[in-house]
Amino acid sequence: MDFLLEPLAYAFMQRGLLASVMVGVLCAVMGTYVVLRGMAFLGDALAHAILPGVAVAYIFKGDLLVGAGAAAVVVALIIGVFTKDGAVKEDTAIGILFAAALSLGVALISAMQTYAVDLSHILFGDVLGVSAADLWLIGGLSLVILLAVVALYKPFLVLSFDPVLAATLRLPANLLRNVMLILLALTVVVSLQTVGVSLAAAMLITPAATASLLTRRLLPMMFVSAAIGALSSIVGLYLSYYLNIVSGSAIVLTATLFFLLALGWKRLRNLTR
């Protein structure tokens, strides 16, 4: 029991644990759509697309998370505009905007003499630096995004599994796609404090990919993915405390271990059939 309770004696660990679990669940749920629709590259693109917004916010002494959110939403909407009529494929648009946004962000950041210290937590996360205000912000945004997923569950389900049926039912496919992109962008922004830009895509993809090996139905996949995301966050945070390693990396590596275990279990099951 001392092993479990010792880290929780510190307020920063309590806040970090709550933030990690919330982000782990949120990323895992949204990640199911990313995995089902084959948009793994999108998560990475949105994660790096926030860099120009962060840089601009830093230059003008604004809130870095607001800048990150604005940049992510703008890039998500531009992807929607580029792919609206099918003239540009989704992966092509993502690749173009990913490279452009990343290059712009690096150009702006490289011009700052103090960026290494001030922006390092955006790049790599700082879950142990989560304040009470950050916790409320993470919780509020997570709740809004999850409520949107619940409200749009059926339309998103049809759009993810059968776009032709979505067109037959006259669902506003372009609008729904843009809403999904915006929700994904906000999810990436929420995850910045815990795992940072570098690892945000991993928390979107890895728990959901693990769940996809265990079940093929969307709702069970969401619940399994959320459980894996939460457990990865808890185990990873404890590992970071006792091994003195970066929390975000520990969380992602834990999620990767769960993926490898699920993959091994599935392959073993296939061999024994």
C-alpha atoms as a PDB file:
ATOM      1  CA  MET A   1       0.000   0.000   0.000  1.00  0.00           C
ATOM      2  CA  ASP A   2       2.881   2.359   0.716  1.00  0.00           C
ATOM      3  CA  PHE A   3       3.988   1.886  -2.898  1.00  0.00           C
ATOM      4  CA  LEU A   4       0.603   3.195  -4.093  1.00  0.00           C
ATOM      5  CA  LEU A   5       0.014   5.871  -1.451  1.00  0.00           C
ATOM      6  CA  GLU A   6       3.461   7.479  -1.238  1.00  0.00           C
ATOM      7  CA  PRO A   7       3.217   9.450  -4.519  1.00  0.00           C
ATOM      8  CA  LEU A   8      -0.295  10.630  -3.644  1.00  0.00           C
ATOM      9  CA  ALA A   9       1.030  12.416  -0.556  1.00  0.00           C
ATOM     10  CA  TYR A  10       2.069  15.228  -2.894  1.00  0.00           C
ATOM     11  CA  ALA A  11      -0.565  17.599  -4.258  1.00  0.00           C
ATOM     12  CA  PHE A  12       1.204  17.902  -7.618  1.00  0.00           C
ATOM     13  CA  MET A  13       1.003  14.114  -8.043  1.00  0.00           C
ATOM     14  CA  GLN A  14      -2.711  14.126  -7.236  1.00  0.00           C
ATOM     15  CA  ARG A  15      -3.364  16.832  -9.822  1.00  0.00           C
ATOM     16  CA  GLY A  16      -1.095  15.119 -12.329  1.00  0.00           C
ATOM     17  CA  LEU A  17      -2.878  11.805 -11.856  1.00  0.00           C
ATOM     18  CA  LEU A  18      -6.322  13.357 -12.378  1.00  0.00           C
ATOM     19  CA  ALA A  19      -5.152  15.258 -15.453  1.00  0.00           C
ATOM     20  CA  SER A  20      -3.471  12.168 -16.919  1.00  0.00           C
ATOM     21  CA  VAL A  21      -6.550   9.992 -16.457  1.00  0.00           C
ATOM     22  CA  MET A  22      -8.850  12.590 -18.004  1.00  0.00           C
ATOM     23  CA  VAL A  23      -6.559  13.077 -20.985  1.00  0.00           C
ATOM     24  CA  GLY A  24      -6.004   9.333 -21.316  1.00  0.00           C
ATOM     25  CA  VAL A  25      -9.744   8.679 -21.491  1.00  0.00           C
ATOM     26  CA  LEU A  26     -10.440  11.586 -23.847  1.00  0.00           C
ATOM     27  CA  CYS A  27      -7.640  10.728 -26.291  1.00  0.00           C
ATOM     28  CA  ALA A  28      -8.611   7.055 -26.234  1.00  0.00           C
ATOM     29  CA  VAL A  29     -12.269   7.751 -27.053  1.00  0.00           C
ATOM     30  CA  MET A  30     -11.504  10.199 -29.859  1.00  0.00           C
ATOM     31  CA  GLY A  31      -8.749   7.926 -31.064  1.00  0.00           C
ATOM     32  CA  THR A  32     -11.258   5.210 -31.972  1.00  0.00           C
ATOM     33  CA  TYR A  33     -12.476   7.402 -34.838  1.00  0.00           C
ATOM     34  CA  VAL A  34      -8.892   8.090 -35.893  1.00  0.00           C
ATOM     35  CA  VAL A  35      -8.103   4.357 -36.024  1.00  0.00           C
ATOM     36  CA  LEU A  36     -11.387   3.311 -37.657  1.00  0.00           C
ATOM     37  CA  ARG A  37     -11.090   5.913 -40.397  1.00  0.00           C
ATOM     38  CA  GLY A  38      -7.398   5.254 -41.005  1.00  0.00           C
ATOM     39  CA  MET A  39      -6.431   8.788 -40.030  1.00  0.00           C
ATOM     40  CA  ALA A  40      -3.423   7.990 -37.822  1.00  0.00           C
ATOM     41  CA  PHE A  41      -1.377  10.583 -39.703  1.00  0.00           C
ATOM     42  CA  LEU A  42      -4.018  13.216 -38.873  1.00  0.00           C
ATOM     43  CA  GLY A  43      -3.346  12.971 -35.147  1.00  0.00           C
ATOM     44  CA  ASP A  44       0.351  13.597 -35.670  1.00  0.00           C
ATOM     45  CA  ALA A  45      -0.365  16.425 -38.107  1.00  0.00           C
ATOM     46  CA  LEU A  46      -2.736  18.219 -35.721  1.00  0.00           C
ATOM     47  CA  ALA A  47      -0.299  17.774 -32.854  1.00  0.00           C
ATOM     48  CA  HIS A  48       2.455  19.549 -34.778  1.00  0.00           C
ATOM     49  CA  ALA A  49       0.125  22.051 -36.441  1.00  0.00           C
ATOM     50  CA  ILE A  50      -0.330  23.865 -33.124  1.00  0.00           C
ATOM     51  CA  LEU A  51       3.265  25.085 -33.100  1.00  0.00           C
ATOM     52  CA  PRO A  52       2.592  28.304 -35.083  1.00  0.00           C
ATOM     53  CA  GLY A  53      -0.258  29.183 -32.709  1.00  0.00           C
ATOM     54  CA  VAL A  54       1.938  28.555 -29.679  1.00  0.00           C
ATOM     55  CA  ALA A  55       4.731  30.669 -31.164  1.00  0.00           C
ATOM     56  CA  VAL A  56       2.406  33.575 -32.029  1.00  0.00           C
ATOM     57  CA  ALA A  57       0.813  33.462 -28.567  1.00  0.00           C
ATOM     58  CA  TYR A  58       4.279  33.507 -26.987  1.00  0.00           C
ATOM     59  CA  ILE A  59       5.416  36.461 -29.101  1.00  0.00           C
ATOM     60  CA  PHE A  60       2.359  38.529 -28.150  1.00  0.00           C
ATOM     61  CA  LYS A  61       2.432  37.392 -24.486  1.00  0.00           C
ATOM     62  CA  GLY A  62      -0.871  35.566 -24.842  1.00  0.00           C
ATOM     63  CA  ASP A  63      -2.118  32.267 -23.455  1.00  0.00           C
ATOM     64  CA  LEU A  64      -0.205  29.412 -25.103  1.00  0.00           C
ATOM     65  CA  LEU A  65      -3.134  26.986 -24.921  1.00  0.00           C
ATOM     66  CA  VAL A  66      -5.451  29.506 -26.589  1.00  0.00           C
ATOM     67  CA  GLY A  67      -2.915  29.964 -29.372  1.00  0.00           C
ATOM     68  CA  ALA A  68      -2.531  26.202 -29.712  1.00  0.00           C
ATOM     69  CA  GLY A  69      -6.281  25.702 -29.852  1.00  0.00           C
ATOM     70  CA  ALA A  70      -6.785  28.408 -32.465  1.00  0.00           C
ATOM     71  CA  ALA A  71      -4.048  26.981 -34.690  1.00  0.00           C
ATOM     72  CA  ALA A  72      -5.327  23.416 -34.395  1.00  0.00           C
ATOM     73  CA  VAL A  73      -8.906  24.408 -35.238  1.00  0.00           C
ATOM     74  CA  VAL A  74      -7.774  26.526 -38.218  1.00  0.00           C
ATOM     75  CA  VAL A  75      -5.700  23.661 -39.637  1.00  0.00           C
ATOM     76  CA  ALA A  76      -8.551  21.201 -39.072  1.00  0.00           C
ATOM     77  CA  LEU A  77     -10.983  23.462 -40.953  1.00  0.00           C
ATOM     78  CA  ILE A  78      -8.521  24.023 -43.810  1.00  0.00           C
ATOM     79  CA  ILE A  79      -8.181  20.241 -44.174  1.00  0.00           C
ATOM     80  CA  GLY A  80     -11.965  20.097 -44.435  1.00  0.00           C
ATOM     81  CA  VAL A  81     -11.988  22.818 -47.110  1.00  0.00           C
ATOM     82  CA  PHE A  82      -9.248  21.148 -49.162  1.00  0.00           C
ATOM     83  CA  THR A  83     -11.013  17.767 -49.156  1.00  0.00           C
ATOM     84  CA  LYS A  84     -14.596  19.014 -49.497  1.00  0.00           C
ATOM     85  CA  ASP A  85     -15.159  18.161 -53.177  1.00  0.00           C
ATOM     86  CA  GLY A  86     -12.713  15.268 -53.381  1.00  0.00           C
ATOM     87  CA  ALA A  87     -10.254  17.208 -55.568  1.00  0.00           C
ATOM     88  CA  VAL A  88      -7.562  16.641 -52.932  1.00  0.00           C
ATOM     89  CA  LYS A  89      -7.365  13.412 -50.960  1.00  0.00           C
ATOM     90  CA  GLU A  90      -7.500  13.675 -47.185  1.00  0.00           C
ATOM     91  CA  ASP A  91      -4.036  12.205 -46.603  1.00  0.00           C
ATOM     92  CA  THR A  92      -2.558  14.565 -49.221  1.00  0.00           C
ATOM     93  CA  ALA A  93      -4.136  17.628 -47.597  1.00  0.00           C
ATOM     94  CA  ILE A  94      -2.948  16.469 -44.177  1.00  0.00           C
ATOM     95  CA  GLY A  95       0.597  15.966 -45.465  1.00  0.00           C
ATOM     96  CA  ILE A  96       0.738  19.421 -47.059  1.00  0.00           C
ATOM     97  CA  LEU A  97      -0.662  21.265 -44.045  1.00  0.00           C
ATOM     98  CA  PHE A  98       1.398  19.207 -41.594  1.00  0.00           C
ATOM     99  CA  ALA A  99       4.631  20.179 -43.330  1.00  0.00           C
ATOM    100  CA  ALA A 100       3.590  23.822 -43.774  1.00  0.00           C
ATOM    101  CA  ALA A 101       2.386  24.319 -40.186  1.00  0.00           C
ATOM    102  CA  LEU A 102       5.381  22.513 -38.699  1.00  0.00           C
ATOM    103  CA  SER A 103       7.804  24.552 -40.812  1.00  0.00           C
ATOM    104  CA  LEU A 104       6.085  27.815 -39.876  1.00  0.00           C
ATOM    105  CA  GLY A 105       6.119  26.873 -36.209  1.00  0.00           C
ATOM    106  CA  VAL A 106       9.803  25.921 -36.258  1.00  0.00           C
ATOM    107  CA  ALA A 107      10.649  29.150 -38.122  1.00  0.00           C
ATOM    108  CA  LEU A 108       8.842  31.290 -35.539  1.00  0.00           C
ATOM    109  CA  ILE A 109      10.202  29.379 -32.545  1.00  0.00           C
ATOM    110  CA  SER A 110      13.776  29.392 -33.848  1.00  0.00           C
ATOM    111  CA  ALA A 111      13.656  33.185 -33.926  1.00  0.00           C
ATOM    112  CA  MET A 112      13.096  33.287 -30.152  1.00  0.00           C
ATOM    113  CA  GLN A 113      16.190  33.235 -27.984  1.00  0.00           C
ATOM    114  CA  THR A 114      14.418  31.836 -24.909  1.00  0.00           C
ATOM    115  CA  TYR A 115      12.174  29.241 -26.540  1.00  0.00           C
ATOM    116  CA  ALA A 116      14.091  26.236 -25.196  1.00  0.00           C
ATOM    117  CA  VAL A 117      13.043  26.914 -21.620  1.00  0.00           C
ATOM    118  CA  ASP A 118       9.680  28.572 -22.065  1.00  0.00           C
ATOM    119  CA  LEU A 119       8.190  26.231 -24.670  1.00  0.00           C
ATOM    120  CA  SER A 120       9.745  22.911 -23.659  1.00  0.00           C
ATOM    121  CA  HIS A 121       6.635  21.921 -21.673  1.00  0.00           C
ATOM    122  CA  ILE A 122       4.512  22.397 -24.797  1.00  0.00           C
ATOM    123  CA  LEU A 123       6.793  20.103 -26.779  1.00  0.00           C
ATOM    124  CA  PHE A 124       7.267  17.399 -24.148  1.00  0.00           C
ATOM    125  CA  GLY A 125       4.486  17.924 -21.600  1.00  0.00           C
ATOM    126  CA  ASP A 126       4.657  18.749 -17.904  1.00  0.00           C
ATOM    127  CA  VAL A 127       1.991  16.719 -16.136  1.00  0.00           C
ATOM    128  CA  LEU A 128       3.553  17.349 -12.719  1.00  0.00           C
ATOM    129  CA  GLY A 129       3.232  21.081 -13.313  1.00  0.00           C
ATOM    130  CA  VAL A 130      -0.567  20.954 -13.688  1.00  0.00           C
ATOM    131  CA  SER A 131      -2.202  23.637 -11.541  1.00  0.00           C
ATOM    132  CA  ALA A 132      -5.710  23.628 -10.117  1.00  0.00           C
ATOM    133  CA  ALA A 133      -6.754  26.042 -12.892  1.00  0.00           C
ATOM    134  CA  ASP A 134      -5.240  23.740 -15.532  1.00  0.00           C
ATOM    135  CA  LEU A 135      -7.151  20.834 -14.026  1.00  0.00           C
ATOM    136  CA  TRP A 136     -10.460  22.671 -14.334  1.00  0.00           C
ATOM    137  CA  LEU A 137      -9.631  23.655 -17.927  1.00  0.00           C
ATOM    138  CA  ILE A 138      -8.705  20.083 -18.883  1.00  0.00           C
ATOM    139  CA  GLY A 139     -11.819  18.725 -17.167  1.00  0.00           C
ATOM    140  CA  GLY A 140     -14.124  21.306 -18.767  1.00  0.00           C
ATOM    141  CA  LEU A 141     -12.827  20.818 -22.299  1.00  0.00           C
ATOM    142  CA  SER A 142     -12.815  17.032 -21.900  1.00  0.00           C
ATOM    143  CA  LEU A 143     -16.445  17.100 -20.757  1.00  0.00           C
ATOM    144  CA  VAL A 144     -17.516  19.292 -23.689  1.00  0.00           C
ATOM    145  CA  ILE A 145     -15.750  17.053 -26.223  1.00  0.00           C
ATOM    146  CA  LEU A 146     -17.140  13.822 -24.732  1.00  0.00           C
ATOM    147  CA  LEU A 147     -20.674  15.260 -24.616  1.00  0.00           C
ATOM    148  CA  ALA A 148     -20.327  16.179 -28.293  1.00  0.00           C
ATOM    149  CA  VAL A 149     -19.237  12.594 -29.049  1.00  0.00           C
ATOM    150  CA  VAL A 150     -22.283  11.247 -27.191  1.00  0.00           C
ATOM    151  CA  ALA A 151     -24.648  13.639 -28.982  1.00  0.00           C
ATOM    152  CA  LEU A 152     -23.195  12.817 -32.416  1.00  0.00           C
ATOM    153  CA  TYR A 153     -22.516   9.131 -31.786  1.00  0.00           C
ATOM    154  CA  LYS A 154     -24.885   7.738 -34.441  1.00  0.00           C
ATOM    155  CA  PRO A 155     -23.968  10.192 -37.240  1.00  0.00           C
ATOM    156  CA  PHE A 156     -20.262   9.667 -36.525  1.00  0.00           C
ATOM    157  CA  LEU A 157     -20.833   5.899 -36.513  1.00  0.00           C
ATOM    158  CA  VAL A 158     -22.438   5.955 -39.967  1.00  0.00           C
ATOM    159  CA  LEU A 159     -19.818   8.337 -41.342  1.00  0.00           C
ATOM    160  CA  SER A 160     -16.952   6.170 -40.030  1.00  0.00           C
ATOM    161  CA  PHE A 161     -18.219   2.795 -41.210  1.00  0.00           C
ATOM    162  CA  ASP A 162     -20.286   3.584 -44.308  1.00  0.00           C
ATOM    163  CA  PRO A 163     -19.875   6.991 -46.024  1.00  0.00           C
ATOM    164  CA  VAL A 164     -22.166   5.796 -48.842  1.00  0.00           C
ATOM    165  CA  LEU A 165     -24.976   5.153 -46.350  1.00  0.00           C
ATOM    166  CA  ALA A 166     -24.317   8.561 -44.819  1.00  0.00           C
ATOM    167  CA  ALA A 167     -24.877  10.141 -48.245  1.00  0.00           C
ATOM    168  CA  THR A 168     -28.020   8.019 -48.773  1.00  0.00           C
ATOM    169  CA  LEU A 169     -29.424   9.186 -45.438  1.00  0.00           C
ATOM    170  CA  ARG A 170     -28.581  12.758 -46.481  1.00  0.00           C
ATOM    171  CA  LEU A 171     -26.421  13.348 -43.453  1.00  0.00           C
ATOM    172  CA  PRO A 172     -24.374  16.574 -43.639  1.00  0.00           C
ATOM    173  CA  ALA A 173     -21.158  14.639 -44.234  1.00  0.00           C
ATOM    174  CA  ASN A 174     -18.896  17.660 -44.747  1.00  0.00           C
ATOM    175  CA  LEU A 175     -20.215  19.392 -41.631  1.00  0.00           C
ATOM    176  CA  LEU A 176     -19.852  16.227 -39.550  1.00  0.00           C
ATOM    177  CA  ARG A 177     -16.320  15.701 -40.870  1.00  0.00           C
ATOM    178  CA  ASN A 178     -15.385  19.266 -39.922  1.00  0.00           C
ATOM    179  CA  VAL A 179     -16.897  18.859 -36.458  1.00  0.00           C
ATOM    180  CA  MET A 180     -14.919  15.655 -35.963  1.00  0.00           C
ATOM    181  CA  LEU A 181     -11.719  17.407 -37.087  1.00  0.00           C
ATOM    182  CA  ILE A 182     -12.350  20.259 -34.643  1.00  0.00           C
ATOM    183  CA  LEU A 183     -12.997  17.814 -31.780  1.00  0.00           C
ATOM    184  CA  LEU A 184      -9.759  16.015 -32.626  1.00  0.00           C
ATOM    185  CA  ALA A 185      -7.905  19.324 -32.711  1.00  0.00           C
ATOM    186  CA  LEU A 186      -9.249  20.294 -29.276  1.00  0.00           C
ATOM    187  CA  THR A 187      -8.339  16.844 -27.954  1.00  0.00           C
ATOM    188  CA  VAL A 188      -4.748  17.396 -29.031  1.00  0.00           C
ATOM    189  CA  VAL A 189      -4.711  20.777 -27.287  1.00  0.00           C
ATOM    190  CA  VAL A 190      -6.084  19.247 -24.067  1.00  0.00           C
ATOM    191  CA  SER A 191      -3.310  16.635 -24.100  1.00  0.00           C
ATOM    192  CA  LEU A 192      -0.495  19.191 -24.353  1.00  0.00           C
ATOM    193  CA  GLN A 193      -0.030  19.612 -20.606  1.00  0.00           C
ATOM    194  CA  THR A 194       0.341  15.894 -19.961  1.00  0.00           C
ATOM    195  CA  VAL A 195       2.243  14.438 -22.920  1.00  0.00           C
ATOM    196  CA  GLY A 196       3.109  17.451 -25.092  1.00  0.00           C
ATOM    197  CA  VAL A 197       3.129  17.898 -28.854  1.00  0.00           C
ATOM    198  CA  SER A 198       5.658  15.147 -29.446  1.00  0.00           C
ATOM    199  CA  LEU A 199       3.565  12.378 -27.890  1.00  0.00           C
ATOM    200  CA  ALA A 200      -0.030  13.609 -28.305  1.00  0.00           C
ATOM    201  CA  ALA A 201      -0.601  11.526 -31.439  1.00  0.00           C
ATOM    202  CA  ALA A 202       0.561   8.385 -29.625  1.00  0.00           C
ATOM    203  CA  MET A 203      -2.143   8.751 -26.960  1.00  0.00           C
ATOM    204  CA  LEU A 204      -4.731   9.245 -29.692  1.00  0.00           C
ATOM    205  CA  ILE A 205      -3.720   6.143 -31.616  1.00  0.00           C
ATOM    206  CA  THR A 206      -2.166   3.532 -29.317  1.00  0.00           C
ATOM    207  CA  PRO A 207      -5.024   2.837 -26.830  1.00  0.00           C
ATOM    208  CA  ALA A 208      -7.576   2.811 -29.670  1.00  0.00           C
ATOM    209  CA  ALA A 209      -5.400   0.518 -31.787  1.00  0.00           C
ATOM    210  CA  THR A 210      -5.080  -1.819 -28.792  1.00  0.00           C
ATOM    211  CA  ALA A 211      -8.848  -1.844 -28.304  1.00  0.00           C
ATOM    212  CA  SER A 212      -9.369  -2.573 -32.017  1.00  0.00           C
ATOM    213  CA  LEU A 213      -7.435  -5.824 -31.529  1.00  0.00           C
ATOM    214  CA  LEU A 214      -9.841  -6.894 -28.784  1.00  0.00           C
ATOM    215  CA  THR A 215     -13.216  -5.866 -30.219  1.00  0.00           C
ATOM    216  CA  ARG A 216     -14.629  -4.677 -33.556  1.00  0.00           C
ATOM    217  CA  ARG A 217     -17.768  -2.882 -32.337  1.00  0.00           C
ATOM    218  CA  LEU A 218     -17.463   0.857 -31.865  1.00  0.00           C
ATOM    219  CA  LEU A 219     -19.072   1.329 -28.436  1.00  0.00           C
ATOM    220  CA  PRO A 220     -17.190  -1.534 -26.716  1.00  0.00           C
ATOM    221  CA  MET A 221     -14.047  -0.320 -28.490  1.00  0.00           C
ATOM    222  CA  MET A 222     -14.504   3.131 -26.954  1.00  0.00           C
ATOM    223  CA  PHE A 223     -14.914   1.719 -23.447  1.00  0.00           C
ATOM    224  CA  VAL A 224     -11.942  -0.657 -23.783  1.00  0.00           C
ATOM    225  CA  SER A 225      -9.821   2.111 -25.294  1.00  0.00           C
ATOM    226  CA  ALA A 226     -10.783   4.504 -22.472  1.00  0.00           C
ATOM    227  CA  ALA A 227      -9.879   1.872 -19.861  1.00  0.00           C
ATOM    228  CA  ILE A 228      -6.494   1.298 -21.532  1.00  0.00           C
ATOM    229  CA  GLY A 229      -5.862   5.036 -21.775  1.00  0.00           C
ATOM    230  CA  ALA A 230      -6.692   5.589 -18.104  1.00  0.00           C
ATOM    231  CA  LEU A 231      -4.657   2.584 -16.933  1.00  0.00           C
ATOM    232  CA  SER A 232      -1.691   3.622 -19.080  1.00  0.00           C
ATOM    233  CA  SER A 233      -1.832   7.092 -17.539  1.00  0.00           C
ATOM    234  CA  ILE A 234      -1.896   5.757 -13.984  1.00  0.00           C
ATOM    235  CA  VAL A 235       0.827   3.143 -14.465  1.00  0.00           C
ATOM    236  CA  GLY A 236       2.976   5.545 -16.488  1.00  0.00           C
ATOM    237  CA  LEU A 237       2.759   8.272 -13.863  1.00  0.00           C
ATOM    238  CA  TYR A 238       3.787   5.862 -11.106  1.00  0.00           C
ATOM    239  CA  LEU A 239       6.688   4.624 -13.231  1.00  0.00           C
ATOM    240  CA  SER A 240       7.825   8.197 -13.846  1.00  0.00           C
ATOM    241  CA  TYR A 241       7.748   8.860 -10.102  1.00  0.00           C
ATOM    242  CA  TYR A 242       9.741   5.802  -9.058  1.00  0.00           C
ATOM    243  CA  LEU A 243      12.115   5.638 -12.045  1.00  0.00           C
ATOM    244  CA  ASN A 244      12.583   9.429 -12.299  1.00  0.00           C
ATOM    245  CA  ILE A 245      11.761   9.621 -16.015  1.00  0.00           C
ATOM    246  CA  VAL A 246       9.617  12.014 -18.047  1.00  0.00           C
ATOM    247  CA  SER A 247       5.935  11.390 -17.296  1.00  0.00           C
ATOM    248  CA  GLY A 248       4.641  11.748 -20.850  1.00  0.00           C
ATOM    249  CA  SER A 249       7.142   9.247 -22.191  1.00  0.00           C
ATOM    250  CA  ALA A 250       6.362   6.779 -19.408  1.00  0.00           C
ATOM    251  CA  ILE A 251       2.629   7.000 -20.151  1.00  0.00           C
ATOM    252  CA  VAL A 252       3.105   6.431 -23.894  1.00  0.00           C
ATOM    253  CA  LEU A 253       5.537   3.552 -23.350  1.00  0.00           C
ATOM    254  CA  THR A 254       3.033   1.911 -20.996  1.00  0.00           C
ATOM    255  CA  ALA A 255       0.288   2.250 -23.611  1.00  0.00           C
ATOM    256  CA  THR A 256       2.668   0.729 -26.190  1.00  0.00           C
ATOM    257  CA  LEU A 257       3.309  -2.234 -23.873  1.00  0.00           C
ATOM    258  CA  PHE A 258      -0.436  -2.856 -23.612  1.00  0.00           C
ATOM    259  CA  PHE A 259      -0.638  -2.766 -27.417  1.00  0.00           C
ATOM    260  CA  LEU A 260       2.139  -5.348 -27.743  1.00  0.00           C
ATOM    261  CA  LEU A 261       0.456  -7.601 -25.189  1.00  0.00           C
ATOM    262  CA  ALA A 262      -2.880  -7.356 -27.044  1.00  0.00           C
ATOM    263  CA  LEU A 263      -1.182  -8.026 -30.377  1.00  0.00           C
ATOM    264  CA  GLY A 264       0.613 -11.061 -28.969  1.00  0.00           C
ATOM    265  CA  TRP A 265      -2.610 -12.365 -27.414  1.00  0.00           C
ATOM    266  CA  LYS A 266      -4.506 -11.980 -30.701  1.00  0.00           C
ATOM    267  CA  ARG A 267      -1.832 -13.727 -32.756  1.00  0.00           C
ATOM    268  CA  LEU A 268      -1.634 -16.545 -30.212  1.00  0.00           C
ATOM    269  CA  ARG A 269      -5.405 -16.889 -30.314  1.00  0.00           C
ATOM    270  CA  ASN A 270      -5.359 -17.072 -34.119  1.00  0.00           C
ATOM    271  CA  LEU A 271      -2.710 -19.796 -34.019  1.00  0.00           C
ATOM    272  CA  THR A 272      -4.707 -21.937 -31.573  1.00  0.00           C
ATOM    273  CA  ARG A 273      -7.915 -21.850 -33.587  1.00  0.00           C
END
